[in-house]
Amino acid sequence: MPCIQWKTNAAISSSQEETLRAALGEAIALIPGKSESWLMLSFESETRMAFRGKADEPVAFIAVDLYGGAPDAACGKLTARLCALAQEVLGIAADHVYVRYLATDQWGWNGANF
């Protein structure tokens, strides 16, 4: 049960979102046992954000929530892919992207917890 929440001060067009959805569906497989079939995504664009005291450059905050955990190496690979996507799709430099991982064993779906 992964969920990736992508927040940025940049605009995200419909075609860019479609590109991100497809790429994130593939990228989540970098985490062992995770797949697009359980992936939930959310996108918040044009959010008021500042980085290093400035609000005039594109930035992104990407939260990756996972049921269970993930090996450090897998998270490292996913971070690299997420930063590359920020650059390729939205023109956000990798050094303007934060990626946060949260893992929990308490995850609910369909009226019950796993």
PDB file of N, CA and C in Angstrom:
ATOM      1  N   MET A   1       0.822  -1.175   0.000  1.00  0.00           N
ATOM      2  CA  MET A   1       0.000   0.000   0.000  1.00  0.00           C
ATOM      3  C   MET A   1       0.869   1.242   0.000  1.00  0.00           C
ATOM      4  N   PRO A   2       1.442   1.581  -1.086  1.00  0.00           N
ATOM      5  CA  PRO A   2       2.175   2.842  -1.126  1.00  0.00           C
ATOM      6  C   PRO A   2       1.259   4.001  -1.535  1.00  0.00           C
ATOM      7  N   CYS A   3       1.610   5.167  -1.030  1.00  0.00           N
ATOM      8  CA  CYS A   3       0.941   6.397  -1.437  1.00  0.00           C
ATOM      9  C   CYS A   3       2.035   7.434  -1.647  1.00  0.00           C
ATOM     10  N   ILE A   4       2.035   8.061  -2.804  1.00  0.00           N
ATOM     11  CA  ILE A   4       2.995   9.116  -3.095  1.00  0.00           C
ATOM     12  C   ILE A   4       2.224  10.418  -3.252  1.00  0.00           C
ATOM     13  N   GLN A   5       2.600  11.401  -2.428  1.00  0.00           N
ATOM     14  CA  GLN A   5       1.976  12.716  -2.472  1.00  0.00           C
ATOM     15  C   GLN A   5       3.010  13.711  -2.974  1.00  0.00           C
ATOM     16  N   TRP A   6       2.685  14.364  -4.071  1.00  0.00           N
ATOM     17  CA  TRP A   6       3.621  15.258  -4.754  1.00  0.00           C
ATOM     18  C   TRP A   6       3.101  16.677  -4.620  1.00  0.00           C
ATOM     19  N   LYS A   7       3.854  17.520  -3.931  1.00  0.00           N
ATOM     20  CA  LYS A   7       3.470  18.917  -3.724  1.00  0.00           C
ATOM     21  C   LYS A   7       4.538  19.804  -4.339  1.00  0.00           C
ATOM     22  N   THR A   8       4.115  20.807  -5.111  1.00  0.00           N
ATOM     23  CA  THR A   8       5.059  21.699  -5.775  1.00  0.00           C
ATOM     24  C   THR A   8       4.457  23.083  -5.942  1.00  0.00           C
ATOM     25  N   ASN A   9       5.319  24.063  -6.074  1.00  0.00           N
ATOM     26  CA  ASN A   9       4.847  25.410  -6.386  1.00  0.00           C
ATOM     27  C   ASN A   9       4.732  25.619  -7.890  1.00  0.00           C
ATOM     28  N   ALA A  10       5.168  24.649  -8.659  1.00  0.00           N
ATOM     29  CA  ALA A  10       5.056  24.716 -10.119  1.00  0.00           C
ATOM     30  C   ALA A  10       3.658  24.275 -10.559  1.00  0.00           C
ATOM     31  N   ALA A  11       3.284  24.695 -11.743  1.00  0.00           N
ATOM     32  CA  ALA A  11       2.035  24.222 -12.330  1.00  0.00           C
ATOM     33  C   ALA A  11       2.264  22.820 -12.892  1.00  0.00           C
ATOM     34  N   ILE A  12       1.254  21.981 -12.817  1.00  0.00           N
ATOM     35  CA  ILE A  12       1.306  20.645 -13.410  1.00  0.00           C
ATOM     36  C   ILE A  12       0.154  20.549 -14.398  1.00  0.00           C
ATOM     37  N   SER A  13       0.478  20.442 -15.667  1.00  0.00           N
ATOM     38  CA  SER A  13      -0.560  20.318 -16.689  1.00  0.00           C
ATOM     39  C   SER A  13      -1.136  18.904 -16.671  1.00  0.00           C
ATOM     40  N   SER A  14      -2.236  18.726 -17.351  1.00  0.00           N
ATOM     41  CA  SER A  14      -2.844  17.393 -17.438  1.00  0.00           C
ATOM     42  C   SER A  14      -1.901  16.383 -18.069  1.00  0.00           C
ATOM     43  N   SER A  15      -1.193  16.785 -19.104  1.00  0.00           N
ATOM     44  CA  SER A  15      -0.275  15.856 -19.761  1.00  0.00           C
ATOM     45  C   SER A  15       0.929  15.544 -18.874  1.00  0.00           C
ATOM     46  N   GLN A  16       1.401  16.527 -18.118  1.00  0.00           N
ATOM     47  CA  GLN A  16       2.498  16.271 -17.185  1.00  0.00           C
ATOM     48  C   GLN A  16       2.052  15.317 -16.074  1.00  0.00           C
ATOM     49  N   GLU A  17       0.846  15.510 -15.580  1.00  0.00           N
ATOM     50  CA  GLU A  17       0.329  14.615 -14.548  1.00  0.00           C
ATOM     51  C   GLU A  17       0.202  13.198 -15.087  1.00  0.00           C
ATOM     52  N   GLU A  18      -0.269  13.069 -16.300  1.00  0.00           N
ATOM     53  CA  GLU A  18      -0.379  11.749 -16.910  1.00  0.00           C
ATOM     54  C   GLU A  18       0.999  11.086 -17.023  1.00  0.00           C
ATOM     55  N   THR A  19       2.001  11.864 -17.429  1.00  0.00           N
ATOM     56  CA  THR A  19       3.370  11.350 -17.524  1.00  0.00           C
ATOM     57  C   THR A  19       3.873  10.924 -16.153  1.00  0.00           C
ATOM     58  N   LEU A  20       3.631  11.743 -15.141  1.00  0.00           N
ATOM     59  CA  LEU A  20       4.055  11.408 -13.784  1.00  0.00           C
ATOM     60  C   LEU A  20       3.341  10.163 -13.270  1.00  0.00           C
ATOM     61  N   ARG A  21       2.046  10.066 -13.507  1.00  0.00           N
ATOM     62  CA  ARG A  21       1.296   8.882 -13.045  1.00  0.00           C
ATOM     63  C   ARG A  21       1.886   7.607 -13.625  1.00  0.00           C
ATOM     64  N   ALA A  22       2.154   7.614 -14.917  1.00  0.00           N
ATOM     65  CA  ALA A  22       2.715   6.419 -15.557  1.00  0.00           C
ATOM     66  C   ALA A  22       4.113   6.109 -15.024  1.00  0.00           C
ATOM     67  N   ALA A  23       4.943   7.132 -14.897  1.00  0.00           N
ATOM     68  CA  ALA A  23       6.318   6.935 -14.432  1.00  0.00           C
ATOM     69  C   ALA A  23       6.357   6.496 -12.969  1.00  0.00           C
ATOM     70  N   LEU A  24       5.496   7.057 -12.135  1.00  0.00           N
ATOM     71  CA  LEU A  24       5.453   6.671 -10.726  1.00  0.00           C
ATOM     72  C   LEU A  24       4.925   5.251 -10.558  1.00  0.00           C
ATOM     73  N   GLY A  25       4.018   4.864 -11.441  1.00  0.00           N
ATOM     74  CA  GLY A  25       3.526   3.487 -11.424  1.00  0.00           C
ATOM     75  C   GLY A  25       4.637   2.484 -11.669  1.00  0.00           C
ATOM     76  N   GLU A  26       5.577   2.844 -12.518  1.00  0.00           N
ATOM     77  CA  GLU A  26       6.739   1.987 -12.766  1.00  0.00           C
ATOM     78  C   GLU A  26       7.766   2.113 -11.647  1.00  0.00           C
ATOM     79  N   ALA A  27       7.990   3.332 -11.183  1.00  0.00           N
ATOM     80  CA  ALA A  27       9.043   3.597 -10.199  1.00  0.00           C
ATOM     81  C   ALA A  27       8.775   2.926  -8.856  1.00  0.00           C
ATOM     82  N   ILE A  28       7.518   2.787  -8.472  1.00  0.00           N
ATOM     83  CA  ILE A  28       7.220   2.212  -7.161  1.00  0.00           C
ATOM     84  C   ILE A  28       7.718   0.773  -7.057  1.00  0.00           C
ATOM     85  N   ALA A  29       7.903   0.114  -8.180  1.00  0.00           N
ATOM     86  CA  ALA A  29       8.420  -1.257  -8.171  1.00  0.00           C
ATOM     87  C   ALA A  29       9.883  -1.316  -7.713  1.00  0.00           C
ATOM     88  N   LEU A  30      10.540  -0.165  -7.593  1.00  0.00           N
ATOM     89  CA  LEU A  30      11.895  -0.139  -7.027  1.00  0.00           C
ATOM     90  C   LEU A  30      11.887  -0.537  -5.554  1.00  0.00           C
ATOM     91  N   ILE A  31      10.732  -0.421  -4.915  1.00  0.00           N
ATOM     92  CA  ILE A  31      10.569  -0.850  -3.528  1.00  0.00           C
ATOM     93  C   ILE A  31      10.078  -2.302  -3.556  1.00  0.00           C
ATOM     94  N   PRO A  32      10.826  -3.223  -2.980  1.00  0.00           N
ATOM     95  CA  PRO A  32      10.421  -4.637  -3.008  1.00  0.00           C
ATOM     96  C   PRO A  32       9.008  -4.843  -2.464  1.00  0.00           C
ATOM     97  N   GLY A  33       8.222  -5.597  -3.211  1.00  0.00           N
ATOM     98  CA  GLY A  33       6.867  -5.921  -2.802  1.00  0.00           C
ATOM     99  C   GLY A  33       5.834  -4.864  -3.106  1.00  0.00           C
ATOM    100  N   LYS A  34       6.225  -3.749  -3.695  1.00  0.00           N
ATOM    101  CA  LYS A  34       5.271  -2.676  -4.009  1.00  0.00           C
ATOM    102  C   LYS A  34       5.017  -2.654  -5.510  1.00  0.00           C
ATOM    103  N   SER A  35       3.787  -2.293  -5.872  1.00  0.00           N
ATOM    104  CA  SER A  35       3.441  -2.257  -7.292  1.00  0.00           C
ATOM    105  C   SER A  35       2.383  -1.194  -7.546  1.00  0.00           C
ATOM    106  N   GLU A  36       2.206  -0.899  -8.804  1.00  0.00           N
ATOM    107  CA  GLU A  36       1.219   0.099  -9.207  1.00  0.00           C
ATOM    108  C   GLU A  36      -0.201  -0.330  -8.840  1.00  0.00           C
ATOM    109  N   SER A  37      -0.438  -1.630  -8.720  1.00  0.00           N
ATOM    110  CA  SER A  37      -1.793  -2.102  -8.461  1.00  0.00           C
ATOM    111  C   SER A  37      -2.339  -1.618  -7.112  1.00  0.00           C
ATOM    112  N   TRP A  38      -1.477  -1.223  -6.182  1.00  0.00           N
ATOM    113  CA  TRP A  38      -1.908  -0.694  -4.892  1.00  0.00           C
ATOM    114  C   TRP A  38      -1.491   0.760  -4.699  1.00  0.00           C
ATOM    115  N   LEU A  39      -0.914   1.382  -5.679  1.00  0.00           N
ATOM    116  CA  LEU A  39      -0.377   2.733  -5.550  1.00  0.00           C
ATOM    117  C   LEU A  39      -1.466   3.800  -5.610  1.00  0.00           C
ATOM    118  N   MET A  40      -1.464   4.683  -4.608  1.00  0.00           N
ATOM    119  CA  MET A  40      -2.331   5.859  -4.631  1.00  0.00           C
ATOM    120  C   MET A  40      -1.437   7.076  -4.821  1.00  0.00           C
ATOM    121  N   LEU A  41      -1.888   8.019  -5.640  1.00  0.00           N
ATOM    122  CA  LEU A  41      -1.123   9.229  -5.941  1.00  0.00           C
ATOM    123  C   LEU A  41      -1.972  10.462  -5.662  1.00  0.00           C
ATOM    124  N   SER A  42      -1.319  11.519  -5.222  1.00  0.00           N
ATOM    125  CA  SER A  42      -1.991  12.818  -5.163  1.00  0.00           C
ATOM    126  C   SER A  42      -0.995  13.874  -5.624  1.00  0.00           C
ATOM    127  N   PHE A  43      -1.521  14.890  -6.267  1.00  0.00           N
ATOM    128  CA  PHE A  43      -0.702  15.983  -6.795  1.00  0.00           C
ATOM    129  C   PHE A  43      -1.293  17.309  -6.328  1.00  0.00           C
ATOM    130  N   GLU A  44      -0.456  18.155  -5.767  1.00  0.00           N
ATOM    131  CA  GLU A  44      -0.838  19.522  -5.412  1.00  0.00           C
ATOM    132  C   GLU A  44       0.120  20.439  -6.148  1.00  0.00           C
ATOM    133  N   SER A  45      -0.410  21.183  -7.092  1.00  0.00           N
ATOM    134  CA  SER A  45       0.440  22.102  -7.852  1.00  0.00           C
ATOM    135  C   SER A  45       0.117  23.531  -7.460  1.00  0.00           C
ATOM    136  N   GLU A  46       1.031  24.416  -7.840  1.00  0.00           N
ATOM    137  CA  GLU A  46       0.882  25.840  -7.578  1.00  0.00           C
ATOM    138  C   GLU A  46       0.614  26.127  -6.095  1.00  0.00           C
ATOM    139  N   THR A  47       1.299  25.366  -5.239  1.00  0.00           N
ATOM    140  CA  THR A  47       1.213  25.538  -3.796  1.00  0.00           C
ATOM    141  C   THR A  47       2.216  26.601  -3.355  1.00  0.00           C
ATOM    142  N   ARG A  48       1.831  27.418  -2.425  1.00  0.00           N
ATOM    143  CA  ARG A  48       2.758  28.440  -1.911  1.00  0.00           C
ATOM    144  C   ARG A  48       3.849  27.737  -1.119  1.00  0.00           C
ATOM    145  N   MET A  49       5.073  27.781  -1.650  1.00  0.00           N
ATOM    146  CA  MET A  49       6.206  27.111  -1.027  1.00  0.00           C
ATOM    147  C   MET A  49       7.443  27.990  -1.145  1.00  0.00           C
ATOM    148  N   ALA A  50       8.329  27.855  -0.190  1.00  0.00           N
ATOM    149  CA  ALA A  50       9.611  28.559  -0.226  1.00  0.00           C
ATOM    150  C   ALA A  50      10.700  27.568   0.161  1.00  0.00           C
ATOM    151  N   PHE A  51      11.892  27.787  -0.371  1.00  0.00           N
ATOM    152  CA  PHE A  51      13.044  26.943  -0.066  1.00  0.00           C
ATOM    153  C   PHE A  51      14.261  27.845   0.047  1.00  0.00           C
ATOM    154  N   ARG A  52      15.026  27.661   1.092  1.00  0.00           N
ATOM    155  CA  ARG A  52      16.200  28.504   1.356  1.00  0.00           C
ATOM    156  C   ARG A  52      15.814  29.978   1.454  1.00  0.00           C
ATOM    157  N   GLY A  53      14.610  30.236   1.962  1.00  0.00           N
ATOM    158  CA  GLY A  53      14.150  31.606   2.144  1.00  0.00           C
ATOM    159  C   GLY A  53      13.623  32.279   0.904  1.00  0.00           C
ATOM    160  N   LYS A  54      13.561  31.537  -0.199  1.00  0.00           N
ATOM    161  CA  LYS A  54      13.104  32.122  -1.465  1.00  0.00           C
ATOM    162  C   LYS A  54      11.896  31.365  -1.993  1.00  0.00           C
ATOM    163  N   ALA A  55      11.005  32.100  -2.629  1.00  0.00           N
ATOM    164  CA  ALA A  55       9.805  31.504  -3.204  1.00  0.00           C
ATOM    165  C   ALA A  55       9.736  31.724  -4.711  1.00  0.00           C
ATOM    166  N   ASP A  56      10.881  32.042  -5.330  1.00  0.00           N
ATOM    167  CA  ASP A  56      10.872  32.395  -6.746  1.00  0.00           C
ATOM    168  C   ASP A  56      11.423  31.291  -7.661  1.00  0.00           C
ATOM    169  N   GLU A  57      11.696  30.105  -7.115  1.00  0.00           N
ATOM    170  CA  GLU A  57      12.187  28.996  -7.933  1.00  0.00           C
ATOM    171  C   GLU A  57      11.288  27.786  -7.725  1.00  0.00           C
ATOM    172  N   PRO A  58      11.170  26.934  -8.732  1.00  0.00           N
ATOM    173  CA  PRO A  58      10.333  25.745  -8.564  1.00  0.00           C
ATOM    174  C   PRO A  58      10.957  24.769  -7.570  1.00  0.00           C
ATOM    175  N   VAL A  59      10.104  24.258  -6.677  1.00  0.00           N
ATOM    176  CA  VAL A  59      10.516  23.289  -5.666  1.00  0.00           C
ATOM    177  C   VAL A  59       9.452  22.196  -5.576  1.00  0.00           C
ATOM    178  N   ALA A  60       9.824  21.086  -4.946  1.00  0.00           N
ATOM    179  CA  ALA A  60       8.857  20.008  -4.737  1.00  0.00           C
ATOM    180  C   ALA A  60       9.137  19.318  -3.414  1.00  0.00           C
ATOM    181  N   PHE A  61       8.061  18.877  -2.774  1.00  0.00           N
ATOM    182  CA  PHE A  61       8.127  18.037  -1.589  1.00  0.00           C
ATOM    183  C   PHE A  61       7.340  16.777  -1.938  1.00  0.00           C
ATOM    184  N   ILE A  62       8.002  15.639  -1.866  1.00  0.00           N
ATOM    185  CA  ILE A  62       7.380  14.381  -2.246  1.00  0.00           C
ATOM    186  C   ILE A  62       7.361  13.471  -1.025  1.00  0.00           C
ATOM    187  N   ALA A  63       6.168  13.079  -0.596  1.00  0.00           N
ATOM    188  CA  ALA A  63       6.004  12.187   0.549  1.00  0.00           C
ATOM    189  C   ALA A  63       5.667  10.793   0.036  1.00  0.00           C
ATOM    190  N   VAL A  64       6.432   9.816   0.515  1.00  0.00           N
ATOM    191  CA  VAL A  64       6.210   8.415   0.150  1.00  0.00           C
ATOM    192  C   VAL A  64       5.807   7.678   1.421  1.00  0.00           C
ATOM    193  N   ASP A  65       4.557   7.257   1.489  1.00  0.00           N
ATOM    194  CA  ASP A  65       4.050   6.514   2.638  1.00  0.00           C
ATOM    195  C   ASP A  65       3.958   5.041   2.254  1.00  0.00           C
ATOM    196  N   LEU A  66       4.446   4.181   3.145  1.00  0.00           N
ATOM    197  CA  LEU A  66       4.523   2.750   2.842  1.00  0.00           C
ATOM    198  C   LEU A  66       3.930   1.920   3.970  1.00  0.00           C
ATOM    199  N   TYR A  67       3.209   0.896   3.605  1.00  0.00           N
ATOM    200  CA  TYR A  67       2.795  -0.120   4.563  1.00  0.00           C
ATOM    201  C   TYR A  67       3.987  -1.043   4.743  1.00  0.00           C
ATOM    202  N   GLY A  68       4.415  -1.210   5.998  1.00  0.00           N
ATOM    203  CA  GLY A  68       5.630  -1.963   6.247  1.00  0.00           C
ATOM    204  C   GLY A  68       6.812  -1.027   6.086  1.00  0.00           C
ATOM    205  N   GLY A  69       7.891  -1.541   5.636  1.00  0.00           N
ATOM    206  CA  GLY A  69       9.079  -0.728   5.457  1.00  0.00           C
ATOM    207  C   GLY A  69       9.701  -0.981   4.105  1.00  0.00           C
ATOM    208  N   ALA A  70      10.898  -0.476   3.948  1.00  0.00           N
ATOM    209  CA  ALA A  70      11.636  -0.662   2.705  1.00  0.00           C
ATOM    210  C   ALA A  70      13.125  -0.572   3.007  1.00  0.00           C
ATOM    211  N   PRO A  71      13.927  -1.337   2.298  1.00  0.00           N
ATOM    212  CA  PRO A  71      15.377  -1.258   2.494  1.00  0.00           C
ATOM    213  C   PRO A  71      15.913   0.123   2.096  1.00  0.00           C
ATOM    214  N   ASP A  72      16.946   0.556   2.808  1.00  0.00           N
ATOM    215  CA  ASP A  72      17.543   1.862   2.516  1.00  0.00           C
ATOM    216  C   ASP A  72      17.961   1.987   1.051  1.00  0.00           C
ATOM    217  N   ALA A  73      18.548   0.931   0.504  1.00  0.00           N
ATOM    218  CA  ALA A  73      19.022   0.981  -0.887  1.00  0.00           C
ATOM    219  C   ALA A  73      17.858   1.198  -1.849  1.00  0.00           C
ATOM    220  N   ALA A  74      16.720   0.563  -1.584  1.00  0.00           N
ATOM    221  CA  ALA A  74      15.550   0.718  -2.452  1.00  0.00           C
ATOM    222  C   ALA A  74      15.010   2.145  -2.362  1.00  0.00           C
ATOM    223  N   CYS A  75      14.979   2.692  -1.152  1.00  0.00           N
ATOM    224  CA  CYS A  75      14.529   4.081  -0.985  1.00  0.00           C
ATOM    225  C   CYS A  75      15.477   5.027  -1.720  1.00  0.00           C
ATOM    226  N   GLY A  76      16.767   4.740  -1.669  1.00  0.00           N
ATOM    227  CA  GLY A  76      17.739   5.559  -2.384  1.00  0.00           C
ATOM    228  C   GLY A  76      17.496   5.553  -3.885  1.00  0.00           C
ATOM    229  N   LYS A  77      17.186   4.380  -4.422  1.00  0.00           N
ATOM    230  CA  LYS A  77      16.898   4.281  -5.857  1.00  0.00           C
ATOM    231  C   LYS A  77      15.629   5.037  -6.209  1.00  0.00           C
ATOM    232  N   LEU A  78      14.607   4.921  -5.351  1.00  0.00           N
ATOM    233  CA  LEU A  78      13.356   5.632  -5.629  1.00  0.00           C
ATOM    234  C   LEU A  78      13.568   7.141  -5.528  1.00  0.00           C
ATOM    235  N   THR A  79      14.330   7.592  -4.550  1.00  0.00           N
ATOM    236  CA  THR A  79      14.620   9.029  -4.438  1.00  0.00           C
ATOM    237  C   THR A  79      15.289   9.546  -5.704  1.00  0.00           C
ATOM    238  N   ALA A  80      16.273   8.801  -6.202  1.00  0.00           N
ATOM    239  CA  ALA A  80      16.956   9.212  -7.433  1.00  0.00           C
ATOM    240  C   ALA A  80      15.961   9.323  -8.584  1.00  0.00           C
ATOM    241  N   ARG A  81      15.055   8.357  -8.677  1.00  0.00           N
ATOM    242  CA  ARG A  81      14.064   8.372  -9.768  1.00  0.00           C
ATOM    243  C   ARG A  81      13.090   9.533  -9.600  1.00  0.00           C
ATOM    244  N   LEU A  82      12.635   9.784  -8.379  1.00  0.00           N
ATOM    245  CA  LEU A  82      11.706  10.887  -8.134  1.00  0.00           C
ATOM    246  C   LEU A  82      12.334  12.232  -8.473  1.00  0.00           C
ATOM    247  N   CYS A  83      13.582  12.410  -8.090  1.00  0.00           N
ATOM    248  CA  CYS A  83      14.281  13.667  -8.405  1.00  0.00           C
ATOM    249  C   CYS A  83      14.482  13.819  -9.911  1.00  0.00           C
ATOM    250  N   ALA A  84      14.785  12.712 -10.581  1.00  0.00           N
ATOM    251  CA  ALA A  84      14.928  12.760 -12.043  1.00  0.00           C
ATOM    252  C   ALA A  84      13.609  13.135 -12.702  1.00  0.00           C
ATOM    253  N   LEU A  85      12.514  12.578 -12.210  1.00  0.00           N
ATOM    254  CA  LEU A  85      11.196  12.917 -12.772  1.00  0.00           C
ATOM    255  C   LEU A  85      10.853  14.384 -12.539  1.00  0.00           C
ATOM    256  N   ALA A  86      11.188  14.897 -11.370  1.00  0.00           N
ATOM    257  CA  ALA A  86      10.931  16.315 -11.103  1.00  0.00           C
ATOM    258  C   ALA A  86      11.641  17.179 -12.140  1.00  0.00           C
ATOM    259  N   GLN A  87      12.883  16.828 -12.452  1.00  0.00           N
ATOM    260  CA  GLN A  87      13.658  17.580 -13.443  1.00  0.00           C
ATOM    261  C   GLN A  87      13.108  17.373 -14.854  1.00  0.00           C
ATOM    262  N   GLU A  88      12.915  16.120 -15.238  1.00  0.00           N
ATOM    263  CA  GLU A  88      12.500  15.791 -16.607  1.00  0.00           C
ATOM    264  C   GLU A  88      11.104  16.305 -16.951  1.00  0.00           C
ATOM    265  N   VAL A  89      10.172  16.161 -16.019  1.00  0.00           N
ATOM    266  CA  VAL A  89       8.772  16.471 -16.322  1.00  0.00           C
ATOM    267  C   VAL A  89       8.404  17.908 -15.966  1.00  0.00           C
ATOM    268  N   LEU A  90       8.943  18.404 -14.839  1.00  0.00           N
ATOM    269  CA  LEU A  90       8.518  19.720 -14.356  1.00  0.00           C
ATOM    270  C   LEU A  90       9.620  20.767 -14.346  1.00  0.00           C
ATOM    271  N   GLY A  91      10.847  20.380 -14.685  1.00  0.00           N
ATOM    272  CA  GLY A  91      11.948  21.329 -14.706  1.00  0.00           C
ATOM    273  C   GLY A  91      12.401  21.771 -13.324  1.00  0.00           C
ATOM    274  N   ILE A  92      12.181  20.929 -12.317  1.00  0.00           N
ATOM    275  CA  ILE A  92      12.591  21.245 -10.947  1.00  0.00           C
ATOM    276  C   ILE A  92      13.938  20.579 -10.686  1.00  0.00           C
ATOM    277  N   ALA A  93      14.922  21.367 -10.324  1.00  0.00           N
ATOM    278  CA  ALA A  93      16.256  20.837 -10.070  1.00  0.00           C
ATOM    279  C   ALA A  93      16.234  19.877  -8.880  1.00  0.00           C
ATOM    280  N   ALA A  94      17.045  18.830  -8.963  1.00  0.00           N
ATOM    281  CA  ALA A  94      17.087  17.816  -7.909  1.00  0.00           C
ATOM    282  C   ALA A  94      17.432  18.411  -6.552  1.00  0.00           C
ATOM    283  N   ASP A  95      18.235  19.459  -6.532  1.00  0.00           N
ATOM    284  CA  ASP A  95      18.590  20.069  -5.248  1.00  0.00           C
ATOM    285  C   ASP A  95      17.504  21.005  -4.719  1.00  0.00           C
ATOM    286  N   HIS A  96      16.350  20.982  -5.374  1.00  0.00           N
ATOM    287  CA  HIS A  96      15.172  21.718  -4.917  1.00  0.00           C
ATOM    288  C   HIS A  96      14.020  20.758  -4.614  1.00  0.00           C
ATOM    289  N   VAL A  97      14.364  19.501  -4.360  1.00  0.00           N
ATOM    290  CA  VAL A  97      13.365  18.471  -4.078  1.00  0.00           C
ATOM    291  C   VAL A  97      13.701  17.798  -2.753  1.00  0.00           C
ATOM    292  N   TYR A  98      12.712  17.715  -1.879  1.00  0.00           N
ATOM    293  CA  TYR A  98      12.812  16.888  -0.674  1.00  0.00           C
ATOM    294  C   TYR A  98      11.916  15.672  -0.868  1.00  0.00           C
ATOM    295  N   VAL A  99      12.404  14.518  -0.427  1.00  0.00           N
ATOM    296  CA  VAL A  99      11.615  13.287  -0.453  1.00  0.00           C
ATOM    297  C   VAL A  99      11.589  12.744   0.971  1.00  0.00           C
ATOM    298  N   ARG A 100      10.402  12.505   1.488  1.00  0.00           N
ATOM    299  CA  ARG A 100      10.237  11.968   2.840  1.00  0.00           C
ATOM    300  C   ARG A 100       9.595  10.587   2.754  1.00  0.00           C
ATOM    301  N   TYR A 101      10.108   9.663   3.547  1.00  0.00           N
ATOM    302  CA  TYR A 101       9.547   8.316   3.625  1.00  0.00           C
ATOM    303  C   TYR A 101       8.959   8.099   5.010  1.00  0.00           C
ATOM    304  N   LEU A 102       7.752   7.569   5.050  1.00  0.00           N
ATOM    305  CA  LEU A 102       7.122   7.158   6.295  1.00  0.00           C
ATOM    306  C   LEU A 102       6.620   5.730   6.112  1.00  0.00           C
ATOM    307  N   ALA A 103       6.940   4.886   7.083  1.00  0.00           N
ATOM    308  CA  ALA A 103       6.482   3.496   7.034  1.00  0.00           C
ATOM    309  C   ALA A 103       5.655   3.204   8.276  1.00  0.00           C
ATOM    310  N   THR A 104       4.618   2.403   8.113  1.00  0.00           N
ATOM    311  CA  THR A 104       3.761   2.037   9.233  1.00  0.00           C
ATOM    312  C   THR A 104       3.227   0.622   9.026  1.00  0.00           C
ATOM    313  N   ASP A 105       2.926  -0.026  10.140  1.00  0.00           N
ATOM    314  CA  ASP A 105       2.259  -1.330  10.076  1.00  0.00           C
ATOM    315  C   ASP A 105       0.757  -1.175  10.273  1.00  0.00           C
ATOM    316  N   GLN A 106       0.321   0.053  10.516  1.00  0.00           N
ATOM    317  CA  GLN A 106      -1.104   0.340  10.689  1.00  0.00           C
ATOM    318  C   GLN A 106      -1.636   0.994   9.424  1.00  0.00           C
ATOM    319  N   TRP A 107      -2.280   0.226   8.584  1.00  0.00           N
ATOM    320  CA  TRP A 107      -2.780   0.737   7.306  1.00  0.00           C
ATOM    321  C   TRP A 107      -4.153   0.138   7.071  1.00  0.00           C
ATOM    322  N   GLY A 108      -5.115   0.976   6.814  1.00  0.00           N
ATOM    323  CA  GLY A 108      -6.480   0.502   6.605  1.00  0.00           C
ATOM    324  C   GLY A 108      -6.902   0.598   5.159  1.00  0.00           C
ATOM    325  N   TRP A 109      -7.799  -0.315   4.780  1.00  0.00           N
ATOM    326  CA  TRP A 109      -8.383  -0.347   3.434  1.00  0.00           C
ATOM    327  C   TRP A 109      -9.659  -1.161   3.483  1.00  0.00           C
ATOM    328  N   ASN A 110     -10.641  -0.719   2.779  1.00  0.00           N
ATOM    329  CA  ASN A 110     -11.877  -1.485   2.617  1.00  0.00           C
ATOM    330  C   ASN A 110     -12.537  -1.799   3.961  1.00  0.00           C
ATOM    331  N   GLY A 111     -12.471  -0.848   4.882  1.00  0.00           N
ATOM    332  CA  GLY A 111     -13.155  -0.999   6.161  1.00  0.00           C
ATOM    333  C   GLY A 111     -12.405  -1.765   7.235  1.00  0.00           C
ATOM    334  N   ALA A 112     -11.171  -2.164   6.970  1.00  0.00           N
ATOM    335  CA  ALA A 112     -10.409  -2.921   7.971  1.00  0.00           C
ATOM    336  C   ALA A 112      -8.920  -2.582   7.830  1.00  0.00           C
ATOM    337  N   ASN A 113      -8.152  -2.963   8.834  1.00  0.00           N
ATOM    338  CA  ASN A 113      -6.706  -2.784   8.779  1.00  0.00           C
ATOM    339  C   ASN A 113      -6.033  -4.082   8.364  1.00  0.00           C
ATOM    340  N   PHE A 114      -4.889  -3.923   7.730  1.00  0.00           N
ATOM    341  CA  PHE A 114      -4.097  -5.089   7.331  1.00  0.00           C
ATOM    342  C   PHE A 114      -3.396  -5.654   8.546  1.00  0.00           C
TER     343      PHE A 114
END
